[in-house]
């Protein structure tokens, strides 16, 4: 069997490595002419970390990433609302990693080249469509730079790992429509900064109506002062947005006003944001869950299957879980079409539930509850606003939906 994988992002490369582990050959086709480290930070939660550790990547990840110690929530006045340990610090058998997306992709790419083979990755190949029969699938590619020089490749199975604007998804669901805007725009950056709080804290602060901020370190000791590279995401409710583009530059003046008075004893937020070398802007968008992903020998994976709001640190993780599920189904069943349907059955509803939870009750619903109950005012005692039991229940509820609650996933505490 040979799989054609379209897209050399986190999902596509993880899938290729997982297929190789179980003896299934693959080729990966990437539209970019060169795979460069783009984007900013991502979190690898314990359910996805488990799969990367199974691939023998734990030591490499630990050297590149920050092992997240805790998740902490604050209001926009810098008052601590809630905190809980993360990863192994919370008793999981696997760590939680905070890492630059580019570092993770390059790690996966290097493992792919060493294990699967450098000749198995073809860049500059934009997928423009497919045809299939009972015996094979034929995929058409064009030169990504010129749109010309079309070529065809044949394989036993086609997996679309080509993201939100997947042409394969569009061919399967031609009347779906454009991605749905949430009403929230995001600006992202990385700042070189002294360790914040524990130096391994994932911080969420504020709320969308007046400005929300997510902060976490993604590289340790980036200079001789022991500083870190710290990822941040500023979110604001606004009707203004442009089409999502990982490389779109953002303007500081469009959002910094919401954070000018965020001067906490643990962080000078406006100074921290201004320390970023570059700022990227993109809208928070998703798509309604699809009724199906698989047709014959073709299926979808990751953002091509279930684009979701980045509000649960879970997009990359769900793609990694997809990869393991799909590989297991292909290994267990001789018939490709039935294997893809088994994969769809295992993952379709599970990911749809995460998409919906990210819209309504992601982990930062904790911030929403405090914002609404206090009327966006400082509090004297958080327990007078909301109990720690309620806060823990909000957090645990999301973990169960997303598939990484410790009681289900496994842990020592």
Protein backbone atom coordinates (compact mmCIF):
# COMPACT_ATOMS: atom_id res chain seq x y z
CA UNK A 1 0.00 0.00 0.00
CA UNK A 2 1.16 3.54 -0.73
CA UNK A 3 -0.50 6.64 0.68
CA UNK A 4 -0.50 10.05 -0.96
CA UNK A 5 -0.42 12.74 1.74
CA UNK A 6 -1.16 16.30 0.67
CA UNK A 7 0.42 18.79 3.06
CA UNK A 8 3.66 18.69 5.07
CA UNK A 9 2.36 20.41 8.17
CA UNK A 10 2.14 18.90 11.62
CA UNK A 11 -0.70 16.53 10.70
CA UNK A 12 0.77 15.37 7.41
CA UNK A 13 4.27 14.70 8.72
CA UNK A 14 2.97 12.98 11.87
CA UNK A 15 0.79 10.77 9.69
CA UNK A 16 3.72 9.85 7.43
CA UNK A 17 5.86 8.93 10.45
CA UNK A 18 3.05 6.89 12.01
CA UNK A 19 2.36 5.03 8.75
CA UNK A 20 6.07 4.30 8.38
CA UNK A 21 6.10 2.87 11.90
CA UNK A 22 3.46 0.30 10.94
CA UNK A 23 4.96 -0.51 7.53
CA UNK A 24 2.79 1.58 5.18
CA UNK A 25 4.64 3.60 2.55
CA UNK A 26 3.74 7.21 1.81
CA UNK A 27 4.73 10.23 -0.21
CA UNK A 28 4.08 13.76 1.00
CA UNK A 29 3.30 16.58 -1.44
CA UNK A 30 3.65 20.15 -0.18
CA UNK A 31 2.60 23.29 -2.04
CA UNK A 32 5.35 25.46 -0.51
CA UNK A 33 8.55 25.41 -2.50
CA UNK A 34 10.52 25.48 0.76
CA UNK A 35 9.40 24.42 4.22
CA UNK A 36 10.25 27.34 6.47
CA UNK A 37 9.45 27.90 10.15
CA UNK A 38 6.29 30.02 10.05
CA UNK A 39 3.66 30.79 12.65
CA UNK A 40 4.17 31.16 16.37
CA UNK A 41 3.49 28.99 19.41
CA UNK A 42 1.50 25.78 19.74
CA UNK A 43 0.77 23.60 22.75
CA UNK A 44 1.05 19.83 22.65
CA UNK A 45 -1.35 18.59 25.30
CA UNK A 46 -0.82 15.19 26.96
CA UNK A 47 -3.08 13.20 24.59
CA UNK A 48 -1.07 14.39 21.57
CA UNK A 49 2.23 14.29 23.45
CA UNK A 50 1.59 10.59 24.10
CA UNK A 51 1.49 9.94 20.35
CA UNK A 52 4.67 11.90 19.63
CA UNK A 53 6.41 10.07 22.48
CA UNK A 54 5.31 6.75 20.93
CA UNK A 55 7.15 7.90 17.81
CA UNK A 56 10.36 8.29 19.85
CA UNK A 57 10.37 12.09 19.75
CA UNK A 58 10.15 12.91 23.47
CA UNK A 59 13.82 13.74 24.02
CA UNK A 60 13.98 15.94 20.93
CA UNK A 61 10.82 17.75 21.99
CA UNK A 62 12.11 18.26 25.52
CA UNK A 63 15.29 19.86 24.13
CA UNK A 64 13.41 22.26 21.88
CA UNK A 65 10.24 23.04 23.81
CA UNK A 66 9.24 24.27 27.24
CA UNK A 67 7.63 21.61 29.42
CA UNK A 68 4.53 23.42 30.63
CA UNK A 69 4.21 23.45 34.41
CA UNK A 70 0.88 25.17 35.02
CA UNK A 71 -2.13 26.85 33.47
CA UNK A 72 -3.04 30.17 35.13
CA UNK A 73 -6.01 32.53 34.65
CA UNK A 74 -6.15 36.25 35.48
CA UNK A 75 -8.59 39.08 34.93
CA UNK A 76 -7.46 42.20 33.05
CA UNK A 77 -6.49 43.81 36.35
CA UNK A 78 -3.83 41.16 36.93
CA UNK A 79 -5.72 39.36 39.68
CA UNK A 80 -5.25 35.60 39.80
CA UNK A 81 -8.50 33.70 39.24
CA UNK A 82 -7.46 30.06 39.03
CA UNK A 83 -4.44 27.86 38.46
CA UNK A 84 -3.83 24.17 37.93
CA UNK A 85 -0.76 22.05 37.16
CA UNK A 86 -0.17 20.78 33.63
CA UNK A 87 1.29 17.69 31.99
CA UNK A 88 3.50 15.56 34.21
CA UNK A 89 3.16 18.18 36.95
CA UNK A 90 -0.54 17.24 37.02
CA UNK A 91 0.19 13.52 37.23
CA UNK A 92 -0.09 12.63 33.54
CA UNK A 93 2.23 9.99 32.16
CA UNK A 94 3.17 12.42 29.37
CA UNK A 95 4.35 16.04 29.39
CA UNK A 96 2.64 19.08 27.95
CA UNK A 97 4.95 20.94 25.58
CA UNK A 98 4.84 24.59 24.53
CA UNK A 99 6.82 25.00 21.32
CA UNK A 100 7.25 27.22 18.29
CA UNK A 101 5.21 25.75 15.45
CA UNK A 102 8.23 26.05 13.18
CA UNK A 103 10.42 24.13 15.64
CA UNK A 104 7.85 21.33 15.82
CA UNK A 105 7.47 21.15 12.06
CA UNK A 106 11.24 21.08 11.54
CA UNK A 107 11.60 18.33 14.15
CA UNK A 108 8.97 16.24 12.38
CA UNK A 109 10.54 17.01 9.00
CA UNK A 110 13.98 15.87 10.14
CA UNK A 111 12.52 12.65 11.55
CA UNK A 112 10.66 12.13 8.26
CA UNK A 113 13.82 12.57 6.19
CA UNK A 114 15.77 10.17 8.39
CA UNK A 115 13.11 7.46 8.64
CA UNK A 116 10.91 7.72 5.57
CA UNK A 117 13.47 9.24 3.22
CA UNK A 118 14.09 12.72 1.76
CA UNK A 119 12.96 11.57 -1.69
CA UNK A 120 9.50 10.90 -0.26
CA UNK A 121 8.77 14.63 0.15
CA UNK A 122 7.99 16.71 -2.93
CA UNK A 123 7.68 20.48 -2.52
CA UNK A 124 6.17 23.08 -4.82
CA UNK A 125 3.29 20.70 -5.65
CA UNK A 126 -0.17 22.20 -5.31
CA UNK A 127 -3.01 19.69 -5.33
CA UNK A 128 -5.67 20.75 -7.83
CA UNK A 129 -7.94 17.71 -7.76
CA UNK A 130 -8.31 13.94 -7.82
CA UNK A 131 -10.09 11.08 -9.52
CA UNK A 132 -10.56 7.60 -8.16
CA UNK A 133 -11.64 4.12 -9.10
CA UNK A 134 -12.23 0.98 -7.07
CA UNK A 135 -8.53 0.11 -7.43
CA UNK A 136 -6.63 3.41 -7.03
CA UNK A 137 -6.75 7.17 -6.66
CA UNK A 138 -5.13 9.56 -9.15
CA UNK A 139 -4.13 12.99 -7.83
CA UNK A 140 -3.40 16.04 -9.98
CA UNK A 141 -0.76 18.58 -8.98
CA UNK A 142 0.36 21.86 -10.50
CA UNK A 143 3.57 23.81 -10.01
CA UNK A 144 2.77 25.98 -6.99
CA UNK A 145 4.83 28.91 -8.27
CA UNK A 146 3.50 29.08 -11.83
CA UNK A 147 0.30 27.06 -11.79
CA UNK A 148 1.58 25.15 -14.81
CA UNK A 149 3.40 21.88 -15.45
CA UNK A 150 0.61 19.66 -14.11
CA UNK A 151 1.51 16.13 -13.09
CA UNK A 152 -0.43 13.12 -11.87
CA UNK A 153 0.43 10.61 -9.19
CA UNK A 154 -1.33 7.35 -8.35
CA UNK A 155 -1.71 5.73 -4.97
CA UNK A 156 -3.89 3.48 -2.86
CA UNK A 157 -5.22 6.17 -0.55
CA UNK A 158 -5.29 9.99 -0.54
CA UNK A 159 -5.25 11.95 2.73
CA UNK A 160 -5.81 15.70 2.69
CA UNK A 161 -3.65 17.38 5.32
CA UNK A 162 -3.63 20.70 3.49
CA UNK A 163 -5.40 22.84 6.02
CA UNK A 164 -8.34 25.20 6.17
CA UNK A 165 -8.42 26.00 2.44
CA UNK A 166 -7.99 22.39 1.30
CA UNK A 167 -8.81 21.85 -2.38
CA UNK A 168 -9.60 18.21 -1.62
CA UNK A 169 -12.18 19.25 0.96
CA UNK A 170 -13.67 21.64 -1.61
CA UNK A 171 -13.94 18.86 -4.16
CA UNK A 172 -15.64 16.57 -1.64
CA UNK A 173 -17.94 19.33 -0.35
CA UNK A 174 -18.23 21.89 -3.17
CA UNK A 175 -21.21 23.76 -1.70
CA UNK A 176 -19.92 24.20 1.84
CA UNK A 177 -19.16 27.91 1.70
CA UNK A 178 -16.42 30.04 3.17
CA UNK A 179 -14.96 29.75 6.70
CA UNK A 180 -17.06 31.29 9.46
CA UNK A 181 -15.77 34.34 11.32
CA UNK A 182 -16.20 34.28 15.10
CA UNK A 183 -16.31 38.03 15.62
CA UNK A 184 -12.85 37.91 17.21
CA UNK A 185 -9.61 39.04 15.57
CA UNK A 186 -6.20 37.90 16.77
CA UNK A 187 -2.72 39.34 16.72
CA UNK A 188 0.25 37.11 17.49
CA UNK A 189 3.88 37.70 18.28
CA UNK A 190 6.89 36.44 20.17
CA UNK A 191 8.91 38.53 22.60
CA UNK A 192 12.28 37.80 24.18
CA UNK A 193 11.56 38.28 27.89
CA UNK A 194 12.55 37.30 31.38
CA UNK A 195 10.73 34.17 32.67
CA UNK A 196 7.14 35.04 33.61
CA UNK A 197 5.70 33.53 36.80
CA UNK A 198 7.10 29.95 36.95
CA UNK A 199 8.92 30.33 33.64
CA UNK A 200 6.75 27.47 32.36
CA UNK A 201 3.28 28.98 32.85
CA UNK A 202 0.52 29.14 30.30
CA UNK A 203 -1.33 32.38 31.08
CA UNK A 204 -4.80 33.45 29.96
CA UNK A 205 -5.97 36.92 31.01
CA UNK A 206 -8.83 39.34 30.40
CA UNK A 207 -11.82 38.68 28.17
CA UNK A 208 -12.73 39.24 24.52
CA UNK A 209 -14.96 42.31 24.96
CA UNK A 210 -12.13 44.39 26.45
CA UNK A 211 -9.08 42.40 25.36
CA UNK A 212 -7.88 38.89 26.09
CA UNK A 213 -4.27 37.75 26.15
CA UNK A 214 -2.68 34.29 26.01
CA UNK A 215 1.00 34.06 26.99
CA UNK A 216 3.40 31.12 27.22
CA UNK A 217 7.15 30.53 26.69
CA UNK A 218 8.21 28.39 23.72
CA UNK A 219 12.03 28.41 23.93
CA UNK A 220 14.29 28.49 26.97
CA UNK A 221 17.55 30.41 27.42
CA UNK A 222 17.60 32.23 24.09
CA UNK A 223 20.37 34.62 25.21
CA UNK A 224 23.14 34.95 27.78
CA UNK A 225 20.69 36.62 30.17
CA UNK A 226 18.65 33.44 30.50
CA UNK A 227 15.62 34.98 28.81
CA UNK A 228 12.97 33.03 26.95
CA UNK A 229 11.14 33.37 23.67
CA UNK A 230 7.58 33.97 24.83
CA UNK A 231 4.57 33.52 22.57
CA UNK A 232 1.57 35.82 22.96
CA UNK A 233 -1.87 36.12 21.35
CA UNK A 234 -3.98 39.26 21.72
CA UNK A 235 -7.69 38.80 20.98
CA UNK A 236 -10.38 41.44 20.53
CA UNK A 237 -14.04 41.26 19.61
CA UNK A 238 -14.40 43.26 16.37
CA UNK A 239 -16.18 43.12 13.04
CA UNK A 240 -12.94 44.03 11.23
CA UNK A 241 -10.96 41.15 9.79
CA UNK A 242 -9.23 39.92 6.65
CA UNK A 243 -8.88 36.46 5.15
CA UNK A 244 -6.74 34.13 7.22
CA UNK A 245 -3.10 34.15 6.13
CA UNK A 246 -0.31 32.78 8.33
CA UNK A 247 2.07 35.45 6.95
CA UNK A 248 -0.16 38.54 7.21
CA UNK A 249 1.60 41.31 9.13
CA UNK A 250 -0.39 43.04 11.85
CA UNK A 251 -0.28 46.63 13.06
CA UNK A 252 0.39 47.36 16.73
CA UNK A 253 -1.87 50.41 16.59
CA UNK A 254 -4.89 48.23 15.76
CA UNK A 255 -4.99 46.58 19.19
CA UNK A 256 -2.44 47.94 21.67
CA UNK A 257 -4.93 50.46 23.06
CA UNK A 258 -6.86 47.68 24.80
CA UNK A 259 -3.75 46.73 26.79
CA UNK A 260 -2.14 50.09 27.60
CA UNK A 261 -3.20 49.99 31.27
CA UNK A 262 -2.27 46.33 31.84
CA UNK A 263 0.61 46.95 34.26
CA UNK A 264 0.77 44.01 36.68
CA UNK A 265 3.25 43.20 39.43
CA UNK A 266 4.19 40.13 37.37
CA UNK A 267 4.24 41.68 33.87
CA UNK A 268 4.22 45.06 32.09
CA UNK A 269 1.96 43.94 29.25
CA UNK A 270 2.28 46.86 26.80
CA UNK A 271 6.07 46.82 27.10
CA UNK A 272 6.03 43.05 26.61
CA UNK A 273 3.91 43.30 23.44
CA UNK A 274 6.04 46.13 22.06
CA UNK A 275 9.13 43.95 22.47
CA UNK A 276 7.93 41.65 19.66
CA UNK A 277 10.12 41.69 16.57
CA UNK A 278 7.08 41.13 14.32
CA UNK A 279 3.32 40.87 14.69
CA UNK A 280 1.02 38.60 12.69
CA UNK A 281 -2.72 39.08 12.32
CA UNK A 282 -5.47 36.64 11.47
CA UNK A 283 -9.15 36.14 12.26
CA UNK A 284 -10.53 33.49 14.57
CA UNK A 285 -12.48 31.29 12.15
CA UNK A 286 -13.74 27.75 11.84
CA UNK A 287 -16.21 25.69 9.82
CA UNK A 288 -19.35 23.86 10.85
CA UNK A 289 -18.59 20.14 11.35
CA UNK A 290 -18.95 18.09 8.17
CA UNK A 291 -21.40 15.17 7.92
CA UNK A 292 -18.62 12.98 6.48
CA UNK A 293 -14.92 13.09 5.57
CA UNK A 294 -14.30 9.95 3.54
CA UNK A 295 -15.30 8.98 0.02
CA UNK A 296 -13.87 5.76 -1.37
CA UNK A 297 -10.08 6.04 -1.11
CA UNK A 298 -10.02 9.71 -0.07
CA UNK A 299 -10.28 11.29 3.38
CA UNK A 300 -9.47 14.43 5.38
CA UNK A 301 -7.24 15.03 8.42
CA UNK A 302 -6.50 17.92 10.78
CA UNK A 303 -7.62 21.40 9.76
CA UNK A 304 -8.75 20.04 6.39
CA UNK A 305 -11.27 17.92 8.30
CA UNK A 306 -12.20 20.03 11.33
CA UNK A 307 -10.89 23.61 11.47
CA UNK A 308 -11.55 25.01 14.94
CA UNK A 309 -11.07 28.17 16.95
CA UNK A 310 -7.62 28.21 18.61
CA UNK A 311 -9.14 28.52 22.07
CA UNK A 312 -8.28 25.18 23.62
CA UNK A 313 -4.61 24.76 22.58
CA UNK A 314 -5.94 21.76 20.73
CA UNK A 315 -5.83 22.20 16.94
CA UNK A 316 -2.45 20.58 16.34
CA UNK A 317 -3.24 17.96 18.97
CA UNK A 318 -6.40 16.81 17.24
CA UNK A 319 -4.48 16.44 13.96
CA UNK A 320 -1.94 14.25 15.75
CA UNK A 321 -4.74 12.11 17.19
CA UNK A 322 -6.25 11.84 13.69
CA UNK A 323 -2.94 10.52 12.38
CA UNK A 324 -2.74 7.72 14.93
CA UNK A 325 -6.38 6.74 14.44
CA UNK A 326 -6.10 6.67 10.65
CA UNK A 327 -2.88 4.64 10.72
CA UNK A 328 -4.39 2.11 13.12
CA UNK A 329 -7.48 1.72 10.92
CA UNK A 330 -5.41 1.21 7.77
CA UNK A 331 -3.26 -1.36 9.56
CA UNK A 332 -6.28 -3.26 10.90
CA UNK A 333 -8.33 -3.46 7.71
CA UNK A 334 -7.31 -4.76 4.32
CA UNK A 335 -9.89 -2.72 2.43
CA UNK A 336 -8.98 0.98 2.15
CA UNK A 337 -12.53 2.30 1.89
CA UNK A 338 -13.69 0.44 4.99
CA UNK A 339 -10.57 1.58 6.87
CA UNK A 340 -11.33 5.21 6.04
CA UNK A 341 -14.91 4.81 7.19
CA UNK A 342 -13.69 3.26 10.44
CA UNK A 343 -11.36 6.22 10.93
CA UNK A 344 -14.20 8.61 10.21
CA UNK A 345 -16.43 6.79 12.67
CA UNK A 346 -13.77 7.05 15.37
CA UNK A 347 -12.91 10.72 14.85
CA UNK A 348 -15.79 12.59 13.20
CA UNK A 349 -18.04 13.09 16.23
CA UNK A 350 -15.12 13.44 18.62
CA UNK A 351 -13.63 16.36 16.69
CA UNK A 352 -17.05 17.91 16.02
CA UNK A 353 -17.55 18.07 19.78
CA UNK A 354 -14.23 19.90 20.15
CA UNK A 355 -15.19 22.39 17.41
CA UNK A 356 -18.43 23.15 19.26
CA UNK A 357 -16.73 23.33 22.66
CA UNK A 358 -14.17 25.80 21.33
CA UNK A 359 -17.07 28.04 20.33
CA UNK A 360 -18.89 27.87 23.65
CA UNK A 361 -16.92 26.46 26.60
CA UNK A 362 -13.19 26.21 25.98
CA UNK A 363 -10.81 26.53 28.95
CA UNK A 364 -11.00 30.33 28.80
CA UNK A 365 -14.71 30.14 29.60
CA UNK A 366 -13.30 30.61 33.11
CA UNK A 367 -12.43 34.18 32.10
CA UNK A 368 -15.88 34.76 30.65
CA UNK A 369 -17.59 33.64 33.84
CA UNK A 370 -15.55 35.98 36.02
CA UNK A 371 -15.95 38.86 33.55
CA UNK A 372 -19.73 38.49 33.55
CA UNK A 373 -20.12 37.91 37.30
CA UNK A 374 -17.95 40.87 38.29
CA UNK A 375 -19.20 43.23 35.59
CA UNK A 376 -15.56 43.66 34.51
CA UNK A 377 -14.48 45.03 37.88
CA UNK A 378 -11.72 43.97 40.30
CA UNK A 379 -12.75 41.57 43.05
CA UNK A 380 -11.83 41.46 46.72
CA UNK A 381 -11.80 37.64 46.90
CA UNK A 382 -12.26 35.30 43.95
CA UNK A 383 -14.20 32.87 46.14
CA UNK A 384 -16.87 35.55 46.55
CA UNK A 385 -17.29 35.54 42.76
CA UNK A 386 -16.99 31.87 41.84
CA UNK A 387 -15.91 28.78 43.74
CA UNK A 388 -12.76 26.82 43.00
CA UNK A 389 -15.01 23.79 42.49
CA UNK A 390 -16.89 25.58 39.70
CA UNK A 391 -13.65 26.70 38.09
CA UNK A 392 -12.23 23.17 38.18
CA UNK A 393 -15.45 21.82 36.67
CA UNK A 394 -15.17 24.21 33.71
CA UNK A 395 -11.61 23.07 33.09
CA UNK A 396 -12.36 19.36 33.55
CA UNK A 397 -15.38 19.52 31.28
CA UNK A 398 -13.28 20.68 28.36
CA UNK A 399 -10.60 18.07 29.03
CA UNK A 400 -13.21 15.32 28.81
CA UNK A 401 -14.60 16.62 25.52
CA UNK A 402 -11.14 17.05 24.01
CA UNK A 403 -9.96 13.63 25.17
CA UNK A 404 -7.22 14.44 27.63
CA UNK A 405 -8.82 14.21 31.05
CA UNK A 406 -6.36 12.36 33.28
CA UNK A 407 -8.94 9.77 34.42
CA UNK A 408 -9.41 8.75 30.79
CA UNK A 409 -5.91 9.26 29.41
CA UNK A 410 -3.93 7.86 32.30
CA UNK A 411 -1.77 9.24 35.05
CA UNK A 412 -0.19 8.47 38.37
CA UNK A 413 -2.15 10.73 40.73
